[in-house]
Every structure is written in C-alpha cells, then in structure tokens.
N, C-alpha and C. Protein backbone atom coordinates (compact mmCIF):
# COMPACT_ATOMS: atom_id res chain seq x y z
N UNK A 1 100.58 27.67 -154.41
CA UNK A 1 99.25 28.16 -154.10
C UNK A 1 99.37 29.57 -153.52
N UNK A 2 98.58 30.48 -154.03
CA UNK A 2 98.62 31.86 -153.55
C UNK A 2 97.63 32.05 -152.42
N UNK A 3 97.95 33.00 -151.55
CA UNK A 3 97.04 33.33 -150.46
C UNK A 3 95.82 34.03 -151.02
N UNK A 4 94.64 33.73 -150.47
CA UNK A 4 93.44 34.43 -150.94
C UNK A 4 93.50 35.90 -150.54
N UNK A 5 92.92 36.74 -151.36
CA UNK A 5 92.88 38.17 -151.06
C UNK A 5 91.96 38.42 -149.88
N UNK A 6 92.29 39.38 -149.02
CA UNK A 6 91.40 39.68 -147.90
C UNK A 6 90.08 40.26 -148.39
N UNK A 7 89.03 40.02 -147.62
CA UNK A 7 87.71 40.51 -148.00
C UNK A 7 87.59 41.98 -147.64
N UNK A 8 87.47 42.83 -148.64
CA UNK A 8 87.32 44.27 -148.41
C UNK A 8 85.91 44.73 -148.76
N UNK A 9 84.98 43.79 -148.77
CA UNK A 9 83.59 44.14 -149.07
C UNK A 9 83.02 45.00 -147.95
N UNK A 10 82.31 46.07 -148.29
CA UNK A 10 81.70 46.88 -147.24
C UNK A 10 80.61 46.10 -146.51
N UNK A 11 80.46 46.38 -145.22
CA UNK A 11 79.42 45.75 -144.43
C UNK A 11 78.06 46.34 -144.81
N UNK A 12 77.02 45.84 -144.21
CA UNK A 12 75.66 46.30 -144.52
C UNK A 12 75.52 47.80 -144.27
N UNK A 13 76.18 48.31 -143.23
CA UNK A 13 76.09 49.74 -142.91
C UNK A 13 77.06 50.59 -143.73
N UNK A 14 77.81 49.98 -144.66
CA UNK A 14 78.67 50.74 -145.57
C UNK A 14 80.11 50.88 -145.15
N UNK A 15 80.48 50.39 -143.97
CA UNK A 15 81.85 50.55 -143.49
C UNK A 15 82.75 49.48 -144.08
N UNK A 16 84.00 49.85 -144.32
CA UNK A 16 84.95 48.97 -144.99
C UNK A 16 85.90 48.35 -143.97
N UNK A 17 86.07 47.02 -143.99
CA UNK A 17 86.93 46.35 -143.01
C UNK A 17 88.41 46.36 -143.39
N UNK A 18 88.99 47.54 -143.44
CA UNK A 18 90.42 47.65 -143.69
C UNK A 18 91.03 48.54 -142.63
N UNK A 19 92.33 48.39 -142.42
CA UNK A 19 93.04 49.21 -141.44
C UNK A 19 93.87 50.24 -142.19
N UNK A 20 93.55 51.50 -141.99
CA UNK A 20 94.33 52.58 -142.59
C UNK A 20 95.45 52.96 -141.64
N UNK A 21 96.49 53.53 -142.17
CA UNK A 21 97.64 53.92 -141.37
C UNK A 21 97.65 55.42 -141.12
N UNK A 22 98.28 55.80 -140.04
CA UNK A 22 98.55 57.19 -139.67
C UNK A 22 97.27 58.03 -139.60
N UNK A 23 97.24 59.15 -140.35
CA UNK A 23 96.11 60.08 -140.27
C UNK A 23 95.20 59.97 -141.49
N UNK A 24 95.14 58.79 -142.09
CA UNK A 24 94.35 58.63 -143.31
C UNK A 24 92.87 58.41 -142.98
N UNK A 25 92.01 58.94 -143.86
CA UNK A 25 90.56 58.80 -143.73
C UNK A 25 90.04 58.31 -145.08
N UNK A 26 89.27 57.22 -145.06
CA UNK A 26 88.65 56.69 -146.27
C UNK A 26 87.19 57.09 -146.26
N UNK A 27 86.74 57.75 -147.32
CA UNK A 27 85.36 58.24 -147.38
C UNK A 27 84.70 57.78 -148.68
N UNK A 28 83.39 57.75 -148.64
CA UNK A 28 82.61 57.46 -149.84
C UNK A 28 81.79 58.69 -150.15
N UNK A 29 82.00 59.23 -151.35
CA UNK A 29 81.31 60.45 -151.74
C UNK A 29 79.81 60.23 -151.83
N UNK A 30 79.08 61.26 -151.44
CA UNK A 30 77.63 61.22 -151.60
C UNK A 30 77.33 61.46 -153.06
N UNK A 31 76.26 60.89 -153.53
CA UNK A 31 75.90 61.01 -154.95
C UNK A 31 75.48 62.44 -155.23
N UNK A 32 76.40 63.20 -155.82
CA UNK A 32 76.13 64.61 -156.12
C UNK A 32 76.17 64.83 -157.63
N UNK A 33 75.91 63.76 -158.39
CA UNK A 33 76.02 63.85 -159.85
C UNK A 33 74.72 64.30 -160.50
N UNK A 34 73.72 64.61 -159.73
CA UNK A 34 72.44 65.01 -160.29
C UNK A 34 72.39 66.54 -160.49
N UNK A 35 71.43 66.98 -161.27
CA UNK A 35 71.30 68.42 -161.48
C UNK A 35 70.77 69.07 -160.20
N UNK A 36 71.09 70.34 -160.05
CA UNK A 36 70.69 71.10 -158.86
C UNK A 36 69.86 72.30 -159.30
N UNK A 37 69.20 72.92 -158.33
CA UNK A 37 68.46 74.16 -158.58
C UNK A 37 69.04 75.26 -157.71
N UNK A 38 69.17 76.43 -158.30
CA UNK A 38 69.62 77.58 -157.53
C UNK A 38 68.45 78.08 -156.68
N UNK A 39 68.72 79.00 -155.76
CA UNK A 39 67.66 79.55 -154.93
C UNK A 39 66.61 80.27 -155.76
N UNK A 40 67.02 80.80 -156.91
CA UNK A 40 66.09 81.48 -157.81
C UNK A 40 65.32 80.54 -158.72
N UNK A 41 65.58 79.21 -158.62
CA UNK A 41 64.85 78.24 -159.41
C UNK A 41 65.51 77.86 -160.72
N UNK A 42 66.71 78.36 -160.98
CA UNK A 42 67.42 78.02 -162.22
C UNK A 42 68.00 76.62 -162.09
N UNK A 43 67.79 75.79 -163.11
CA UNK A 43 68.32 74.43 -163.11
C UNK A 43 69.79 74.47 -163.51
N UNK A 44 70.65 73.87 -162.69
CA UNK A 44 72.08 73.79 -162.97
C UNK A 44 72.38 72.34 -163.32
N UNK A 45 72.76 72.05 -164.57
CA UNK A 45 73.00 70.66 -164.96
C UNK A 45 74.21 70.07 -164.24
N UNK A 46 74.23 68.75 -164.13
CA UNK A 46 75.32 68.05 -163.44
C UNK A 46 76.65 68.25 -164.14
N UNK A 47 76.62 68.57 -165.44
CA UNK A 47 77.85 68.73 -166.20
C UNK A 47 78.42 70.15 -166.12
N UNK A 48 77.73 71.06 -165.45
CA UNK A 48 78.21 72.45 -165.34
C UNK A 48 79.48 72.50 -164.52
N UNK A 49 80.45 73.25 -165.00
CA UNK A 49 81.72 73.40 -164.30
C UNK A 49 81.57 74.47 -163.22
N UNK A 50 81.87 74.10 -162.00
CA UNK A 50 81.81 75.03 -160.87
C UNK A 50 83.24 75.22 -160.38
N UNK A 51 83.59 76.42 -160.03
CA UNK A 51 84.93 76.69 -159.53
C UNK A 51 85.08 76.31 -158.07
N UNK A 52 86.02 75.45 -157.79
CA UNK A 52 86.41 75.08 -156.42
C UNK A 52 85.23 74.73 -155.52
N UNK A 53 84.47 73.78 -155.92
CA UNK A 53 83.31 73.33 -155.16
C UNK A 53 83.74 72.21 -154.21
N UNK A 54 83.44 72.35 -152.93
CA UNK A 54 83.78 71.32 -151.95
C UNK A 54 82.73 70.21 -151.99
N UNK A 55 83.09 69.03 -151.50
CA UNK A 55 82.27 67.83 -151.62
C UNK A 55 82.05 67.22 -150.24
N UNK A 56 80.83 66.70 -149.99
CA UNK A 56 80.51 65.98 -148.76
C UNK A 56 80.69 64.48 -149.00
N UNK A 57 81.17 63.78 -147.98
CA UNK A 57 81.33 62.33 -148.06
C UNK A 57 81.17 61.72 -146.67
N UNK A 58 80.96 60.42 -146.63
CA UNK A 58 80.78 59.71 -145.36
C UNK A 58 82.05 58.92 -145.04
N UNK A 59 82.52 59.01 -143.80
CA UNK A 59 83.72 58.30 -143.37
C UNK A 59 83.39 56.82 -143.21
N UNK A 60 84.17 55.94 -143.88
CA UNK A 60 83.93 54.51 -143.79
C UNK A 60 85.08 53.76 -143.12
N UNK A 61 86.25 54.38 -143.00
CA UNK A 61 87.40 53.79 -142.31
C UNK A 61 88.37 54.91 -141.98
N UNK A 62 89.20 54.70 -140.95
CA UNK A 62 90.17 55.74 -140.58
C UNK A 62 91.37 55.11 -139.89
N UNK A 63 92.48 55.83 -139.94
CA UNK A 63 93.71 55.38 -139.32
C UNK A 63 93.73 55.67 -137.82
N UNK A 64 94.71 55.13 -137.10
CA UNK A 64 94.77 55.26 -135.64
C UNK A 64 95.09 56.67 -135.14
N UNK A 65 95.67 57.52 -135.98
CA UNK A 65 96.05 58.87 -135.55
C UNK A 65 95.02 59.93 -135.88
N UNK A 66 93.86 59.54 -136.35
CA UNK A 66 92.80 60.49 -136.68
C UNK A 66 92.10 60.87 -135.38
N UNK A 67 91.96 62.19 -135.14
CA UNK A 67 91.39 62.65 -133.87
C UNK A 67 90.07 63.37 -134.00
N UNK A 68 89.78 63.98 -135.13
CA UNK A 68 88.62 64.86 -135.25
C UNK A 68 87.40 64.25 -135.90
N UNK A 69 87.53 63.09 -136.50
CA UNK A 69 86.39 62.45 -137.15
C UNK A 69 86.23 61.04 -136.63
N UNK A 70 85.03 60.50 -136.83
CA UNK A 70 84.74 59.12 -136.47
C UNK A 70 84.05 58.46 -137.65
N UNK A 71 84.06 57.14 -137.66
CA UNK A 71 83.38 56.39 -138.71
C UNK A 71 81.89 56.74 -138.67
N UNK A 72 81.34 57.05 -139.83
CA UNK A 72 79.94 57.42 -139.95
C UNK A 72 79.72 58.93 -140.06
N UNK A 73 80.74 59.74 -139.74
CA UNK A 73 80.62 61.20 -139.86
C UNK A 73 80.56 61.61 -141.32
N UNK A 74 79.95 62.76 -141.58
CA UNK A 74 80.00 63.39 -142.90
C UNK A 74 81.09 64.43 -142.86
N UNK A 75 81.96 64.43 -143.86
CA UNK A 75 83.07 65.38 -143.90
C UNK A 75 83.04 66.16 -145.20
N UNK A 76 83.57 67.37 -145.14
CA UNK A 76 83.65 68.26 -146.29
C UNK A 76 85.11 68.37 -146.71
N UNK A 77 85.39 68.17 -148.00
CA UNK A 77 86.77 68.24 -148.48
C UNK A 77 86.80 68.79 -149.90
N UNK A 78 87.98 69.19 -150.33
CA UNK A 78 88.17 69.70 -151.68
C UNK A 78 88.52 68.54 -152.61
N UNK A 79 87.81 68.35 -153.69
CA UNK A 79 88.04 67.19 -154.57
C UNK A 79 89.47 67.07 -155.11
N UNK A 80 90.20 68.16 -155.23
CA UNK A 80 91.56 68.09 -155.74
C UNK A 80 92.53 67.49 -154.73
N UNK A 81 92.16 67.40 -153.46
CA UNK A 81 93.04 66.87 -152.41
C UNK A 81 92.90 65.37 -152.22
N UNK A 82 92.32 64.68 -153.16
CA UNK A 82 91.96 63.29 -152.91
C UNK A 82 92.78 62.30 -153.72
N UNK A 83 92.74 61.06 -153.24
CA UNK A 83 93.27 59.92 -153.98
C UNK A 83 92.14 58.93 -154.14
N UNK A 84 91.87 58.50 -155.36
CA UNK A 84 90.75 57.59 -155.61
C UNK A 84 91.19 56.14 -155.41
N UNK A 85 90.32 55.35 -154.76
CA UNK A 85 90.58 53.94 -154.49
C UNK A 85 89.33 53.16 -154.86
N UNK A 86 89.49 52.02 -155.50
CA UNK A 86 88.35 51.17 -155.81
C UNK A 86 88.50 49.85 -155.08
N UNK A 87 87.49 49.49 -154.28
CA UNK A 87 87.47 48.23 -153.55
C UNK A 87 86.17 47.50 -153.88
N UNK A 88 86.28 46.29 -154.37
CA UNK A 88 85.11 45.48 -154.71
C UNK A 88 84.16 46.23 -155.65
N UNK A 89 84.70 47.02 -156.57
CA UNK A 89 83.89 47.73 -157.55
C UNK A 89 83.25 49.01 -157.03
N UNK A 90 83.56 49.41 -155.80
CA UNK A 90 83.00 50.64 -155.23
C UNK A 90 84.12 51.66 -155.10
N UNK A 91 83.86 52.90 -155.54
CA UNK A 91 84.88 53.96 -155.49
C UNK A 91 84.87 54.66 -154.15
N UNK A 92 86.06 54.87 -153.60
CA UNK A 92 86.26 55.58 -152.35
C UNK A 92 87.31 56.67 -152.56
N UNK A 93 87.39 57.57 -151.60
CA UNK A 93 88.38 58.64 -151.64
C UNK A 93 89.25 58.52 -150.41
N UNK A 94 90.57 58.57 -150.60
CA UNK A 94 91.52 58.51 -149.50
C UNK A 94 92.06 59.91 -149.24
N UNK A 95 91.90 60.37 -148.00
CA UNK A 95 92.33 61.72 -147.60
C UNK A 95 93.24 61.65 -146.40
N UNK A 96 93.97 62.71 -146.17
CA UNK A 96 94.63 62.93 -144.89
C UNK A 96 93.64 63.70 -144.03
N UNK A 97 93.73 63.54 -142.72
CA UNK A 97 92.81 64.25 -141.84
C UNK A 97 92.91 65.76 -142.04
N UNK A 98 94.09 66.27 -142.32
CA UNK A 98 94.26 67.71 -142.48
C UNK A 98 93.56 68.25 -143.73
N UNK A 99 93.18 67.37 -144.67
CA UNK A 99 92.47 67.79 -145.87
C UNK A 99 90.97 67.90 -145.65
N UNK A 100 90.50 67.52 -144.47
CA UNK A 100 89.08 67.63 -144.14
C UNK A 100 88.81 69.03 -143.62
N UNK A 101 87.87 69.75 -144.24
CA UNK A 101 87.57 71.13 -143.86
C UNK A 101 86.51 71.24 -142.78
N UNK A 102 85.57 70.29 -142.72
CA UNK A 102 84.49 70.36 -141.74
C UNK A 102 83.97 68.96 -141.47
N UNK A 103 83.40 68.79 -140.27
CA UNK A 103 82.79 67.52 -139.87
C UNK A 103 81.35 67.80 -139.45
N UNK A 104 80.42 67.06 -140.03
CA UNK A 104 79.02 67.19 -139.66
C UNK A 104 78.63 65.94 -138.87
N UNK A 105 78.48 66.12 -137.56
CA UNK A 105 78.08 65.01 -136.70
C UNK A 105 77.28 65.58 -135.54
N UNK A 106 76.31 64.84 -135.05
CA UNK A 106 75.46 65.35 -133.98
C UNK A 106 76.25 65.64 -132.71
N UNK A 107 77.35 64.96 -132.47
CA UNK A 107 78.14 65.22 -131.26
C UNK A 107 78.82 66.59 -131.29
N UNK A 108 78.92 67.21 -132.47
CA UNK A 108 79.54 68.53 -132.60
C UNK A 108 78.54 69.68 -132.56
N UNK A 109 77.27 69.40 -132.40
CA UNK A 109 76.26 70.43 -132.52
C UNK A 109 76.38 71.53 -131.45
N UNK A 110 76.91 71.26 -130.29
CA UNK A 110 77.03 72.27 -129.22
C UNK A 110 78.47 72.60 -128.89
N UNK A 111 79.39 72.30 -129.79
CA UNK A 111 80.80 72.54 -129.52
C UNK A 111 81.26 73.97 -129.71
N UNK A 112 80.44 74.84 -130.25
CA UNK A 112 80.86 76.21 -130.53
C UNK A 112 81.60 76.28 -131.84
N UNK A 113 82.51 77.23 -131.96
CA UNK A 113 83.18 77.46 -133.23
C UNK A 113 84.38 76.54 -133.44
N UNK A 114 84.92 75.96 -132.40
CA UNK A 114 86.09 75.11 -132.55
C UNK A 114 87.39 75.88 -132.62
N UNK A 115 87.36 77.17 -132.31
CA UNK A 115 88.57 77.98 -132.34
C UNK A 115 89.41 77.74 -131.10
N UNK A 116 90.71 77.79 -131.28
CA UNK A 116 91.63 77.68 -130.14
C UNK A 116 91.97 79.08 -129.67
N UNK A 117 91.77 79.34 -128.43
CA UNK A 117 92.08 80.67 -127.88
C UNK A 117 93.20 80.59 -126.88
C-alpha cells in the first residue's frame, strides 16, 4: 500500500500548504494575458512580444530564510528567472528571494528608498 500524496490544494485565500526550503518564494502570476492599451490609446495585443518585461505575482508560500517578503505580498520579477511548478492543476512560479526586484505591500509604504547607507 502506498502512502497518500499530501494535500497541496490552495486554501480559500489562495495560499499553498507546502514548506519551501531556504530562500525560495512560491508565487502565482497575476493574469496578464489580456490585451493592454498604451497611454496614447493604442491597443497592444496579448501576443505582442515585449523586450524584458517584468511580471507581478502574489506570494503564496515561502522558505524560512526569506526576509524581505511575506505571504500575500505582490512581487515583481523577471520571467526568465523562474521555475514553473504545477500543483493541483494550478501553475505557480518558484523563485529565489534574490530574483525578486520589488515588493508591493502596505507595510512598505513609508519605508523610504530602501537604500543602505
């Protein structure tokens, strides 16, 4: 008899019940597959190739050594720095914390530039 697989189904709020190791961050990309409009009103189709476009995603799980993000934060990363993971039919992206370029969270709104002096 084989052991049953652990349940990796996301909870109602979208968080995944898995334990990541080290500085890993598991995110779910925001749906950015729709067409966009430029500031001038030009429609840019979803299939248009853009050079080095960064992507926003929501953090759903993280490892114990992650210091700059928390579960539920929105993070900005480069799509080429990712590893794709599928759990229960849902696609996620696995990143190292150092591959995250920015964090959008209300707790950071008054932190200044974040530069070390």
